[in-house]
Amino acid sequence: MKKLLWVISDGSIIYCSVRKNNISIKDKRIIILNWDLDNIECFQKEILESDYVYHLWANATYGNDIDYNLVNYEPTKKLIDILSGSKSLKNFIFVSTVWVCDRSKKDNVNCPLTINSVCSPKSKYGLSKLKAEKYLRKASIPFTIIRPTRVYGPNMRQNSHINAFVDLIYGKKFFAKMWFQWKVSLIHVNDLATALVHSINNDKILYKTYFAATENLSLWDIFKQIYITLFKKQIKQIYIPRFQWLFSKIHHYIPLSIANLFLDYLCVENTNFTKDFLVWNFTRFEHWILDVIKNNATIYGSRIITGANSGIWYELSKLLYKNGKKLVLIDKDISNLDHFSNASVVKFDLTNIQEIPNLCENIIEQNKNIRVLINNAGVGFRWDFNNLTISKIRTTIDVNIYAPIMITHHLLPYLIKNKSIIVNIGSSSGFFPLPWMSLYAATKAFINSRSNALRYELKNKCYVISVSPSWTNTNFQNNAWVKKNEKEKLLEPYDVAEKIINAIQKRQSFVLLWGKTKILLLVLKFLPKKIALFLLGKTFEKSR
């Protein structure tokens, strides 16, 4: 958008179609069109009066689990049909994908892909784009097809290729040390934007197809450069043979992720691309990888913690703060959070349910790049249910159930965007009935169950971790009116916090920090429920 504004005249207009208007550029030449898959025809007038139409709209997530035909082919077809009646159109620039090619069964992958390579897409994503390309070629309008390879730069999706490599290397995974020699084609988003701008008044590119690529680098070169940029030192390498002779014969039968490790599977020849689009001083990966790293949510994304003022979560906040993480700390009491000078400290009472949407909107405004949400805040009261006041019942349900549900729900679009981590804090008490604290135990059982279900619902979108600590040496017992047994060894907050950080780094699904409670749970499993409940009641009544 910025590059277009540099080259067009003051009297020109840019119609920008978006589903959600998050464009920050203010210019009278930009007119926003809020359209969706079903209402393209509503903007027929604007489409027909346009000289150049750039069609970048698509679901760019590689895979097979989306109706790609609906989101990638049908809108393209509608747009082409409208443009067939245009008297103004000079060029329709269709941004397709390298995935329309893949490799055919007979291809031994000895040379890069070219525009003349046989298109054999394996994914529904690639098939939908190829179908759109074929429809465009049959239409009676001027066009150019650009097939971007792996595009990188600022504001990449968290789960896209280079960002995933940054995560891998930042976590110092063993895989990142392997010297894989296969090559992949890359292009910086700035160079792709330059090419699109240079489509204007460029007759050389009409009715042609291009692979958009400026560099071919090996996986090892990419890993090495990311490592050097992150840690300012060289990485020790483990040489991995290519096995070209084997994988060239079986690549059609194995997962693409494996084939890519041993073959130049998506390496392309960018015949005439840089020349025809005047992309001369193109961006070098080694000089601009920092663009990706600076926006990587794993490294620089926000960590949101509720109930951060005391106990385990205060210790967790200190550890994350020490590691240079960006923190959003929420609690109704913030008396211990003054020294977190670079953190965003928010004083908020989670029983104020109606204000949670406003709380989330304020967080999003300053922290769109969210990496971890830790739903920790919780309350409990030791009392028989008959004498528990309505106020305390409501407080327990609001803080333990409603608050984490609502916060997660409001932040979920941003969590999914970054493939973030949701940490829900349960309790060992959620695994068995707890007389005298029945409501508290029930809310924690809810948290455990909901975490398990959410983990499945959000698979491949977010990571969901459920943490269930046993009795820990915090002020919870005093606040909940639970007796402290001085002889009993409780978990220490610092130790629990370290284990939670370790679980986040390893993407563990469950963290059970139970101590002796594990033994208790095993014993209870083999006892009749009536006897187990009697023992739990008597034990808790005496010791707590």
Protein backbone atom coordinates (compact mmCIF):
# COMPACT_ATOMS: atom_id res chain seq x y z
CA MET A 1 0.00 0.00 0.00
CA LYS A 2 2.74 2.47 0.94
CA LYS A 3 4.68 1.71 -2.24
CA LEU A 4 1.59 2.26 -4.39
CA LEU A 5 1.01 5.66 -2.80
CA TRP A 6 4.54 6.70 -3.84
CA VAL A 7 3.95 6.02 -7.54
CA ILE A 8 0.32 7.01 -8.22
CA SER A 9 -0.80 10.56 -8.90
CA ASP A 10 -2.70 12.75 -6.45
CA GLY A 11 -5.91 12.28 -8.44
CA SER A 12 -5.75 8.49 -8.38
CA ILE A 13 -7.76 6.26 -6.05
CA ILE A 14 -6.83 2.97 -4.37
CA TYR A 15 -9.82 0.79 -3.51
CA CYS A 16 -8.70 -1.49 -0.69
CA SER A 17 -10.96 -4.44 0.06
CA VAL A 18 -10.69 -5.80 3.59
CA ARG A 19 -12.67 -8.03 5.90
CA LYS A 20 -11.47 -6.09 8.92
CA ASN A 21 -10.15 -2.56 8.66
CA ASN A 22 -6.81 -2.48 10.46
CA ILE A 23 -5.08 -0.21 7.95
CA SER A 24 -3.24 2.53 9.79
CA ILE A 25 -2.25 4.59 6.71
CA LYS A 26 -4.22 7.83 6.46
CA ASP A 27 -4.48 9.09 2.88
CA LYS A 28 -7.44 10.59 1.01
CA ARG A 29 -6.57 8.43 -2.02
CA ILE A 30 -7.39 5.23 -0.09
CA ILE A 31 -11.02 4.10 0.00
CA ILE A 32 -11.78 1.10 2.20
CA LEU A 33 -14.29 -1.48 0.91
CA ASN A 34 -15.53 -3.83 3.62
CA TRP A 35 -16.38 -6.89 1.62
CA ASP A 36 -16.61 -10.59 2.27
CA LEU A 37 -16.91 -13.79 0.29
CA ASP A 38 -20.63 -13.30 -0.28
CA ASN A 39 -20.83 -9.62 -1.22
CA ILE A 40 -18.19 -9.04 -3.93
CA GLU A 41 -20.98 -8.13 -6.39
CA CYS A 42 -21.91 -5.15 -4.18
CA PHE A 43 -18.70 -3.43 -5.28
CA GLN A 44 -19.08 -4.06 -9.01
CA LYS A 45 -18.91 -0.33 -9.79
CA GLU A 46 -15.54 0.11 -8.03
CA ILE A 47 -14.15 -3.05 -9.63
CA LEU A 48 -15.18 -2.08 -13.16
CA GLU A 49 -13.67 1.40 -12.97
CA SER A 50 -10.25 0.10 -11.81
CA ASP A 51 -7.27 0.07 -14.20
CA TYR A 52 -5.30 -2.45 -12.16
CA VAL A 53 -6.70 -5.12 -9.87
CA TYR A 54 -4.41 -6.92 -7.42
CA HIS A 55 -6.01 -10.09 -6.12
CA LEU A 56 -4.17 -11.19 -2.98
CA TRP A 57 -7.17 -12.37 -1.00
CA ALA A 58 -6.91 -16.04 0.03
CA ASN A 59 -6.58 -18.40 2.91
CA ALA A 60 -2.83 -18.87 2.75
CA THR A 61 -2.60 -21.69 5.30
CA TYR A 62 -1.19 -24.78 3.63
CA GLY A 63 -3.18 -27.94 4.28
CA ASN A 64 -6.32 -29.97 3.58
CA ASP A 65 -8.66 -29.17 6.47
CA ILE A 66 -10.38 -26.05 5.05
CA ASP A 67 -12.88 -25.61 2.21
CA TYR A 68 -10.23 -23.98 0.03
CA ASN A 69 -12.50 -24.10 -3.00
CA LEU A 70 -14.93 -21.79 -1.20
CA VAL A 71 -12.37 -19.29 0.08
CA ASN A 72 -9.76 -19.36 -2.73
CA TYR A 73 -11.47 -20.34 -6.00
CA GLU A 74 -15.04 -19.02 -5.79
CA PRO A 75 -14.14 -15.38 -4.90
CA THR A 76 -11.53 -15.38 -7.69
CA LYS A 77 -14.09 -16.69 -10.19
CA LYS A 78 -16.63 -14.00 -9.18
CA LEU A 79 -14.00 -11.27 -9.54
CA ILE A 80 -12.90 -12.50 -12.99
CA ASP A 81 -16.52 -12.72 -14.16
CA ILE A 82 -17.12 -9.09 -13.16
CA LEU A 83 -13.88 -7.92 -14.80
CA SER A 84 -14.85 -9.64 -18.06
CA GLY A 85 -17.19 -6.68 -18.58
CA SER A 86 -14.54 -4.03 -17.83
CA LYS A 87 -13.47 -1.43 -20.38
CA SER A 88 -10.85 0.08 -18.05
CA LEU A 89 -8.82 -2.96 -16.97
CA LYS A 90 -5.16 -2.88 -17.98
CA ASN A 91 -4.02 -5.85 -15.89
CA PHE A 92 -5.38 -8.31 -13.35
CA ILE A 93 -2.48 -9.39 -11.11
CA PHE A 94 -3.34 -12.70 -9.49
CA VAL A 95 -1.15 -13.71 -6.55
CA SER A 96 -1.18 -17.50 -6.56
CA THR A 97 1.32 -19.80 -4.79
CA VAL A 98 4.29 -22.08 -5.41
CA TRP A 99 2.11 -24.88 -3.99
CA VAL A 100 0.25 -25.17 -7.31
CA CYS A 101 3.30 -27.10 -8.52
CA ASP A 102 4.61 -29.56 -5.94
CA ARG A 103 6.40 -32.40 -7.73
CA SER A 104 4.89 -34.99 -10.03
CA LYS A 105 5.34 -38.68 -9.37
CA LYS A 106 7.85 -39.01 -12.21
CA ASP A 107 9.91 -35.99 -11.14
CA ASN A 108 13.25 -37.09 -9.68
CA VAL A 109 13.77 -33.62 -8.13
CA ASN A 110 17.17 -33.14 -9.72
CA CYS A 111 16.55 -29.55 -10.78
CA PRO A 112 14.54 -26.53 -9.64
CA LEU A 113 10.89 -26.04 -10.52
CA THR A 114 10.27 -23.86 -13.56
CA ILE A 115 7.16 -22.24 -15.02
CA ASN A 116 7.05 -25.18 -17.45
CA SER A 117 7.09 -27.82 -14.69
CA VAL A 118 4.05 -30.07 -14.51
CA CYS A 119 1.62 -28.82 -11.86
CA SER A 120 0.86 -31.68 -9.46
CA PRO A 121 -0.49 -30.14 -6.24
CA LYS A 122 -1.01 -32.61 -3.40
CA SER A 123 -2.94 -30.28 -1.12
CA LYS A 124 -6.45 -28.88 -1.44
CA TYR A 125 -4.86 -25.46 -0.97
CA GLY A 126 -2.67 -25.95 -4.05
CA LEU A 127 -5.54 -27.46 -6.04
CA SER A 128 -7.81 -24.47 -5.31
CA LYS A 129 -5.16 -22.03 -6.50
CA LEU A 130 -4.43 -24.05 -9.63
CA LYS A 131 -8.14 -24.18 -10.42
CA ALA A 132 -8.29 -20.37 -10.15
CA GLU A 133 -5.25 -20.04 -12.44
CA LYS A 134 -6.88 -22.21 -15.10
CA TYR A 135 -10.12 -20.23 -14.95
CA LEU A 136 -8.17 -16.98 -15.32
CA ARG A 137 -6.28 -18.20 -18.39
CA LYS A 138 -9.57 -19.00 -20.13
CA ALA A 139 -11.04 -15.56 -19.37
CA SER A 140 -10.86 -12.70 -21.86
CA ILE A 141 -9.01 -10.26 -19.62
CA PRO A 142 -5.35 -9.17 -19.40
CA PHE A 143 -3.58 -10.90 -16.52
CA THR A 144 -0.31 -11.74 -14.80
CA ILE A 145 0.08 -14.68 -12.41
CA ILE A 146 2.65 -14.40 -9.62
CA ARG A 147 3.46 -17.49 -7.57
CA PRO A 148 5.22 -16.37 -4.37
CA THR A 149 7.59 -18.86 -2.79
CA ARG A 150 8.24 -18.60 0.97
CA VAL A 151 7.52 -14.97 1.84
CA TYR A 152 9.08 -13.56 5.00
CA GLY A 153 9.23 -10.22 6.76
CA PRO A 154 7.55 -8.21 9.53
CA ASN A 155 4.19 -9.36 10.92
CA MET A 156 4.42 -12.93 9.65
CA ARG A 157 1.90 -15.40 11.03
CA GLN A 158 3.37 -17.07 14.09
CA ASN A 159 2.99 -20.57 12.64
CA SER A 160 4.40 -19.77 9.19
CA HIS A 161 7.67 -21.28 7.99
CA ILE A 162 10.46 -18.86 9.03
CA ASN A 163 8.72 -18.02 12.32
CA ALA A 164 8.49 -21.74 13.06
CA PHE A 165 12.24 -22.02 12.41
CA VAL A 166 12.89 -19.12 14.81
CA ASP A 167 10.83 -20.92 17.49
CA LEU A 168 12.79 -24.11 16.89
CA ILE A 169 16.18 -22.44 17.19
CA TYR A 170 15.23 -20.15 20.08
CA GLY A 171 14.18 -23.28 21.98
CA LYS A 172 17.59 -24.79 21.09
CA LYS A 173 15.98 -27.95 19.78
CA PHE A 174 18.36 -30.70 18.70
CA PHE A 175 16.76 -30.73 15.23
CA ALA A 176 18.01 -27.20 14.60
CA LYS A 177 21.64 -28.40 14.74
CA MET A 178 21.21 -30.77 11.81
CA TRP A 179 22.92 -29.76 8.59
CA PHE A 180 20.20 -30.37 6.02
CA GLN A 181 21.36 -29.40 2.54
CA TRP A 182 18.03 -29.11 0.73
CA LYS A 183 17.30 -25.70 -0.73
CA VAL A 184 14.20 -23.56 -0.57
CA SER A 185 13.27 -20.37 -2.39
CA LEU A 186 12.59 -17.17 -0.45
CA ILE A 187 11.42 -13.63 -1.04
CA HIS A 188 11.11 -10.75 1.41
CA VAL A 189 7.67 -9.14 1.54
CA ASN A 190 9.23 -5.80 0.62
CA ASP A 191 10.57 -7.24 -2.65
CA LEU A 192 7.21 -8.84 -3.44
CA ALA A 193 5.53 -5.48 -2.85
CA THR A 194 8.05 -3.81 -5.17
CA ALA A 195 7.24 -6.33 -7.90
CA LEU A 196 3.51 -5.71 -7.51
CA VAL A 197 3.99 -1.94 -7.80
CA HIS A 198 6.16 -2.42 -10.89
CA SER A 199 3.23 -4.21 -12.54
CA ILE A 200 1.83 -0.78 -13.41
CA ASN A 201 2.43 0.24 -17.05
CA ASN A 202 4.49 -2.91 -17.55
CA ASP A 203 3.43 -4.63 -20.77
CA LYS A 204 6.29 -7.14 -20.57
CA ILE A 205 4.51 -9.14 -17.89
CA LEU A 206 1.10 -9.45 -19.58
CA TYR A 207 -0.25 -13.01 -19.96
CA LYS A 208 2.78 -14.47 -18.20
CA THR A 209 3.33 -16.54 -15.07
CA TYR A 210 6.22 -16.02 -12.64
CA PHE A 211 7.68 -17.62 -9.56
CA ALA A 212 8.40 -14.82 -7.06
CA ALA A 213 11.79 -15.65 -5.55
CA THR A 214 15.01 -13.76 -4.95
CA GLU A 215 17.16 -16.32 -3.08
CA ASN A 216 17.64 -20.08 -2.91
CA LEU A 217 19.07 -21.08 0.46
CA SER A 218 19.65 -24.40 2.16
CA LEU A 219 17.79 -25.16 5.36
CA TRP A 220 21.13 -25.19 7.12
CA ASP A 221 21.96 -21.67 5.87
CA ILE A 222 18.60 -20.45 7.21
CA PHE A 223 19.10 -22.14 10.59
CA LYS A 224 22.65 -20.87 10.89
CA GLN A 225 21.72 -17.28 10.14
CA ILE A 226 18.81 -17.31 12.61
CA TYR A 227 21.09 -18.78 15.30
CA ILE A 228 23.82 -16.18 14.71
CA THR A 229 21.28 -13.35 14.82
CA LEU A 230 19.72 -14.65 18.05
CA PHE A 231 22.79 -15.73 20.00
CA LYS A 232 25.68 -13.81 18.35
CA LYS A 233 27.74 -16.97 17.87
CA GLN A 234 28.16 -19.88 15.49
CA ILE A 235 26.09 -23.04 15.80
CA LYS A 236 27.67 -26.49 15.99
CA GLN A 237 26.46 -28.60 13.11
CA ILE A 238 25.67 -32.27 12.60
CA TYR A 239 26.09 -33.31 8.98
CA ILE A 240 23.10 -35.13 7.48
CA PRO A 241 23.57 -36.95 4.13
CA ARG A 242 21.06 -36.01 1.40
CA PHE A 243 20.06 -39.56 0.34
CA GLN A 244 19.02 -38.04 -3.00
CA TRP A 245 19.00 -41.42 -4.72
CA LEU A 246 16.45 -42.79 -2.24
CA PHE A 247 14.11 -39.85 -1.62
CA SER A 248 13.92 -38.91 -5.31
CA LYS A 249 12.20 -42.26 -5.86
CA ILE A 250 9.84 -42.27 -2.88
CA HIS A 251 8.99 -38.55 -2.42
CA HIS A 252 5.47 -39.03 -3.75
CA TYR A 253 4.67 -41.55 -1.00
CA ILE A 254 6.06 -39.77 2.05
CA PRO A 255 4.92 -36.64 3.93
CA LEU A 256 6.02 -33.41 2.31
CA SER A 257 7.74 -32.32 5.53
CA ILE A 258 10.09 -35.33 5.21
CA ALA A 259 10.68 -34.94 1.48
CA ASN A 260 11.64 -31.30 2.03
CA LEU A 261 14.47 -32.32 4.35
CA PHE A 262 16.36 -34.29 1.71
CA LEU A 263 15.32 -32.77 -1.62
CA ASP A 264 15.20 -29.31 -3.22
CA TYR A 265 11.48 -29.92 -3.35
CA LEU A 266 10.22 -26.33 -3.58
CA CYS A 267 13.31 -24.70 -4.96
CA VAL A 268 12.39 -22.66 -8.06
CA GLU A 269 14.08 -20.98 -10.99
CA ASN A 270 12.91 -17.37 -10.99
CA THR A 271 13.27 -16.94 -14.74
CA ASN A 272 12.94 -13.25 -15.64
CA PHE A 273 11.15 -12.33 -12.38
CA THR A 274 13.71 -9.85 -11.04
CA LYS A 275 14.38 -8.48 -14.56
CA ASP A 276 10.76 -8.04 -15.67
CA PHE A 277 9.60 -6.57 -12.35
CA LEU A 278 12.75 -4.46 -11.86
CA VAL A 279 13.57 -6.04 -8.49
CA TRP A 280 17.32 -5.40 -8.58
CA ASN A 281 18.62 -4.54 -5.10
CA PHE A 282 16.66 -7.30 -3.46
CA THR A 283 16.66 -8.08 0.22
CA ARG A 284 19.20 -10.62 1.53
CA PHE A 285 17.93 -13.05 4.15
CA GLU A 286 21.03 -12.65 6.31
CA HIS A 287 20.49 -8.89 6.51
CA TRP A 288 16.73 -8.89 7.19
CA ILE A 289 15.96 -11.98 9.27
CA LEU A 290 15.72 -9.57 12.19
CA ASP A 291 12.42 -8.38 10.65
CA VAL A 292 10.92 -11.75 11.55
CA ILE A 293 12.65 -12.17 14.91
CA LYS A 294 11.47 -8.76 16.17
CA ASN A 295 7.86 -9.80 15.64
CA ASN A 296 8.21 -13.37 16.87
CA ALA A 297 5.67 -13.93 19.62
CA THR A 298 7.72 -16.64 21.34
CA ILE A 299 10.55 -14.18 21.97
CA TYR A 300 8.82 -10.80 22.17
CA GLY A 301 5.14 -11.63 22.62
CA SER A 302 3.25 -10.67 25.77
CA ARG A 303 2.67 -13.01 28.72
CA ILE A 304 -0.64 -12.25 30.45
CA ILE A 305 -0.98 -13.47 34.04
CA THR A 306 -4.05 -13.07 36.25
CA GLY A 307 -3.60 -13.15 40.02
CA ALA A 308 0.04 -12.09 39.66
CA ASN A 309 0.48 -10.29 42.98
CA SER A 310 1.25 -13.28 45.21
CA GLY A 311 2.10 -16.95 45.53
CA ILE A 312 3.15 -19.10 42.59
CA TRP A 313 2.22 -16.45 40.06
CA TYR A 314 4.27 -13.75 41.68
CA GLU A 315 7.29 -16.08 41.48
CA LEU A 316 6.41 -16.94 37.88
CA SER A 317 6.17 -13.24 37.03
CA LYS A 318 9.61 -12.63 38.55
CA LEU A 319 11.17 -15.45 36.54
CA LEU A 320 9.64 -14.28 33.26
CA TYR A 321 10.57 -10.67 34.00
CA LYS A 322 14.15 -11.72 34.70
CA ASN A 323 14.21 -13.44 31.30
CA GLY A 324 13.20 -10.20 29.61
CA LYS A 325 9.63 -11.20 28.72
CA LYS A 326 6.93 -8.62 28.12
CA LEU A 327 4.36 -9.00 30.91
CA VAL A 328 0.78 -7.97 31.53
CA LEU A 329 0.12 -8.55 35.24
CA ILE A 330 -3.47 -8.45 36.48
CA ASP A 331 -4.66 -8.51 40.10
CA LYS A 332 -7.06 -6.65 42.36
CA ASP A 333 -4.12 -6.12 44.74
CA ILE A 334 -0.98 -4.83 43.01
CA SER A 335 1.00 -3.90 46.11
CA ASN A 336 3.84 -6.32 45.24
CA LEU A 337 4.08 -5.39 41.56
CA ASP A 338 5.61 -1.91 41.81
CA HIS A 339 9.12 -3.05 40.90
CA PHE A 340 8.04 -4.55 37.56
CA SER A 341 8.98 -1.29 35.87
CA ASN A 342 8.70 -2.45 32.26
CA ALA A 343 5.58 -4.55 32.77
CA SER A 344 2.00 -3.48 32.22
CA VAL A 345 0.38 -3.75 35.67
CA VAL A 346 -3.41 -3.70 35.68
CA LYS A 347 -5.45 -3.34 38.87
CA PHE A 348 -8.66 -5.25 38.24
CA ASP A 349 -11.12 -7.27 40.33
CA LEU A 350 -12.19 -10.34 38.34
CA THR A 351 -15.52 -10.46 40.16
CA ASN A 352 -16.37 -7.40 38.08
CA ILE A 353 -17.53 -9.67 35.26
CA GLN A 354 -19.28 -7.00 33.21
CA GLU A 355 -16.04 -5.03 32.82
CA ILE A 356 -13.94 -7.98 31.55
CA PRO A 357 -14.65 -7.14 27.85
CA ASN A 358 -13.26 -3.63 28.44
CA LEU A 359 -10.26 -5.11 30.24
CA CYS A 360 -9.54 -7.36 27.25
CA GLU A 361 -9.98 -4.54 24.74
CA ASN A 362 -7.45 -2.42 26.63
CA ILE A 363 -5.01 -5.34 26.70
CA ILE A 364 -5.42 -6.00 22.96
CA GLU A 365 -4.92 -2.34 22.12
CA GLN A 366 -1.38 -2.48 23.49
CA ASN A 367 -0.59 -6.20 23.17
CA LYS A 368 -1.80 -7.68 19.88
CA ASN A 369 1.21 -10.00 19.86
CA ILE A 370 0.11 -12.27 22.74
CA ARG A 371 2.17 -15.41 23.31
CA VAL A 372 0.95 -16.84 26.63
CA LEU A 373 -2.27 -16.41 28.60
CA ILE A 374 -2.13 -17.78 32.14
CA ASN A 375 -5.56 -18.02 33.75
CA ASN A 376 -4.41 -18.32 37.32
CA ALA A 377 -6.52 -16.16 39.64
CA GLY A 378 -8.59 -18.32 41.95
CA VAL A 379 -10.35 -18.24 45.31
CA GLY A 380 -11.75 -20.83 47.70
CA PHE A 381 -13.36 -20.96 51.14
CA ARG A 382 -13.28 -23.74 53.67
CA TRP A 383 -16.85 -23.96 54.91
CA ASP A 384 -19.72 -26.40 54.79
CA PHE A 385 -21.94 -25.49 51.88
CA ASN A 386 -24.97 -24.80 54.06
CA ASN A 387 -23.19 -21.89 55.78
CA LEU A 388 -21.42 -20.52 52.71
CA THR A 389 -22.82 -17.08 51.89
CA ILE A 390 -24.27 -16.27 48.46
CA SER A 391 -21.58 -13.58 48.11
CA LYS A 392 -18.77 -16.12 48.57
CA ILE A 393 -20.48 -18.60 46.24
CA ARG A 394 -20.72 -15.96 43.56
CA THR A 395 -17.12 -14.82 44.11
CA THR A 396 -15.82 -18.38 43.76
CA ILE A 397 -17.75 -19.04 40.55
CA ASP A 398 -16.97 -15.64 39.03
CA VAL A 399 -13.21 -15.76 39.67
CA ASN A 400 -12.65 -19.49 39.08
CA ILE A 401 -15.01 -20.08 36.13
CA TYR A 402 -16.51 -16.99 34.49
CA ALA A 403 -13.36 -14.86 34.45
CA PRO A 404 -11.02 -17.38 32.72
CA ILE A 405 -13.75 -18.30 30.23
CA MET A 406 -14.49 -14.71 29.29
CA ILE A 407 -10.85 -13.60 29.12
CA THR A 408 -9.94 -16.57 26.92
CA HIS A 409 -12.96 -16.01 24.68
CA HIS A 410 -12.24 -12.32 24.13
CA LEU A 411 -8.54 -12.86 23.44
CA LEU A 412 -8.93 -16.04 21.38
CA PRO A 413 -8.67 -14.48 17.87
CA TYR A 414 -5.28 -13.02 18.83
CA LEU A 415 -4.20 -16.23 20.55
CA ILE A 416 -5.05 -18.25 17.43
CA LYS A 417 -3.26 -15.74 15.19
CA ASN A 418 -0.01 -16.30 17.12
CA LYS A 419 -0.61 -20.00 17.80
CA SER A 420 -0.29 -18.99 21.43
CA ILE A 421 -0.25 -20.97 24.66
CA ILE A 422 -3.18 -20.99 27.07
CA VAL A 423 -2.32 -22.13 30.58
CA ASN A 424 -5.29 -22.94 32.81
CA ILE A 425 -4.56 -23.42 36.49
CA GLY A 426 -6.54 -26.21 38.08
CA SER A 427 -5.72 -28.05 41.27
CA SER A 428 -5.19 -31.54 42.58
CA SER A 429 -8.51 -30.88 44.39
CA GLY A 430 -10.24 -31.04 41.01
CA PHE A 431 -9.62 -34.78 40.75
CA PHE A 432 -11.69 -35.89 43.73
CA PRO A 433 -14.59 -34.58 45.84
CA LEU A 434 -13.50 -32.38 48.72
CA PRO A 435 -15.97 -32.04 51.61
CA TRP A 436 -15.83 -28.61 53.30
CA MET A 437 -14.47 -27.13 50.07
CA SER A 438 -16.88 -28.72 47.63
CA LEU A 439 -17.50 -25.61 45.55
CA TYR A 440 -13.79 -24.82 45.14
CA ALA A 441 -13.00 -28.43 44.15
CA ALA A 442 -15.91 -28.43 41.68
CA THR A 443 -14.67 -25.26 39.98
CA LYS A 444 -11.21 -26.79 39.61
CA ALA A 445 -12.73 -29.97 38.19
CA PHE A 446 -14.44 -27.70 35.67
CA ILE A 447 -11.10 -26.09 34.77
CA ASN A 448 -9.47 -29.50 34.27
CA SER A 449 -12.32 -30.78 32.10
CA ARG A 450 -12.59 -27.59 30.06
CA SER A 451 -8.85 -27.55 29.40
CA ASN A 452 -8.96 -31.08 28.01
CA ALA A 453 -11.89 -30.26 25.71
CA LEU A 454 -10.37 -26.95 24.60
CA ARG A 455 -7.09 -28.67 23.80
CA TYR A 456 -8.89 -30.78 21.19
CA GLU A 457 -11.00 -27.92 19.82
CA LEU A 458 -7.93 -25.74 19.31
CA LYS A 459 -5.53 -28.39 18.02
CA ASN A 460 -3.20 -26.94 15.37
CA LYS A 461 -4.38 -23.45 16.42
CA CYS A 462 -3.24 -23.00 20.04
CA TYR A 463 -1.54 -25.00 22.75
CA VAL A 464 -3.58 -25.62 25.90
CA ILE A 465 -1.78 -26.62 29.10
CA SER A 466 -3.56 -27.56 32.31
CA VAL A 467 -1.57 -27.23 35.53
CA SER A 468 -2.77 -28.95 38.71
CA PRO A 469 -0.58 -28.16 41.71
CA SER A 470 -1.17 -29.69 45.13
CA TRP A 471 -1.11 -27.66 48.38
CA THR A 472 1.55 -24.98 48.01
CA ASN A 473 3.19 -22.75 50.58
CA THR A 474 1.24 -19.56 49.81
CA ASN A 475 -1.35 -17.33 51.47
CA PHE A 476 -4.16 -19.33 49.88
CA GLN A 477 -4.72 -21.38 53.03
CA ASN A 478 -5.06 -18.24 55.17
CA ASN A 479 -7.39 -16.54 52.70
CA ALA A 480 -9.49 -19.69 52.37
CA TRP A 481 -9.59 -20.29 56.16
CA VAL A 482 -7.76 -23.60 55.75
CA LYS A 483 -5.70 -24.79 58.69
CA LYS A 484 -1.98 -25.12 58.03
CA ASN A 485 -0.31 -28.31 59.13
CA GLU A 486 3.17 -27.17 60.15
CA LYS A 487 4.54 -30.73 59.87
CA GLU A 488 3.36 -31.17 56.30
CA LYS A 489 5.83 -30.38 53.56
CA LEU A 490 4.15 -28.15 51.00
CA LEU A 491 5.26 -27.34 47.47
CA GLU A 492 7.31 -24.15 47.18
CA PRO A 493 6.00 -21.41 44.82
CA TYR A 494 9.37 -20.90 43.12
CA ASP A 495 9.70 -24.63 42.30
CA VAL A 496 6.18 -24.75 40.90
CA ALA A 497 6.83 -21.62 38.80
CA GLU A 498 9.97 -23.18 37.30
CA LYS A 499 8.05 -26.32 36.36
CA ILE A 500 5.34 -24.23 34.67
CA ILE A 501 7.94 -22.35 32.59
CA ASN A 502 9.45 -25.69 31.61
CA ALA A 503 5.99 -26.98 30.61
CA ILE A 504 5.39 -23.88 28.47
CA GLN A 505 8.73 -24.31 26.70
CA LYS A 506 8.06 -27.99 26.01
CA ARG A 507 4.35 -27.49 25.13
CA GLN A 508 3.29 -30.10 27.69
CA SER A 509 -0.43 -30.82 27.81
CA PHE A 510 -0.66 -31.69 31.52
CA VAL A 511 1.39 -30.66 34.54
CA LEU A 512 0.53 -32.59 37.69
CA LEU A 513 2.41 -31.27 40.73
CA TRP A 514 0.91 -33.38 43.45
CA GLY A 515 3.58 -34.66 45.82
CA LYS A 516 1.89 -37.06 48.26
CA THR A 517 -1.48 -36.35 46.66
CA LYS A 518 -0.56 -38.76 43.85
CA ILE A 519 -0.46 -41.61 46.35
CA LEU A 520 -3.79 -40.53 47.80
CA LEU A 521 -5.42 -40.49 44.37
CA LEU A 522 -4.10 -43.95 43.53
CA VAL A 523 -5.45 -45.37 46.80
CA LEU A 524 -8.86 -43.74 46.28
CA LYS A 525 -9.20 -45.30 42.83
CA PHE A 526 -9.28 -48.77 44.33
CA LEU A 527 -11.71 -47.99 47.16
CA PRO A 528 -15.52 -48.00 46.94
CA LYS A 529 -16.73 -44.44 46.40
CA LYS A 530 -18.60 -44.37 49.69
CA ILE A 531 -15.50 -45.34 51.69
CA ALA A 532 -13.27 -43.00 49.67
CA LEU A 533 -15.59 -40.07 50.33
CA PHE A 534 -15.72 -40.90 54.06
CA LEU A 535 -11.91 -40.95 54.27
CA LEU A 536 -11.59 -37.69 52.34
CA GLY A 537 -14.10 -35.98 54.59
CA LYS A 538 -12.49 -37.16 57.82
CA THR A 539 -8.95 -36.45 56.62
CA PHE A 540 -9.75 -32.92 55.46
CA GLU A 541 -11.83 -32.17 58.55
CA LYS A 542 -8.95 -33.03 60.87
CA SER A 543 -5.94 -31.75 58.93
CA ARG A 544 -7.48 -28.71 57.28
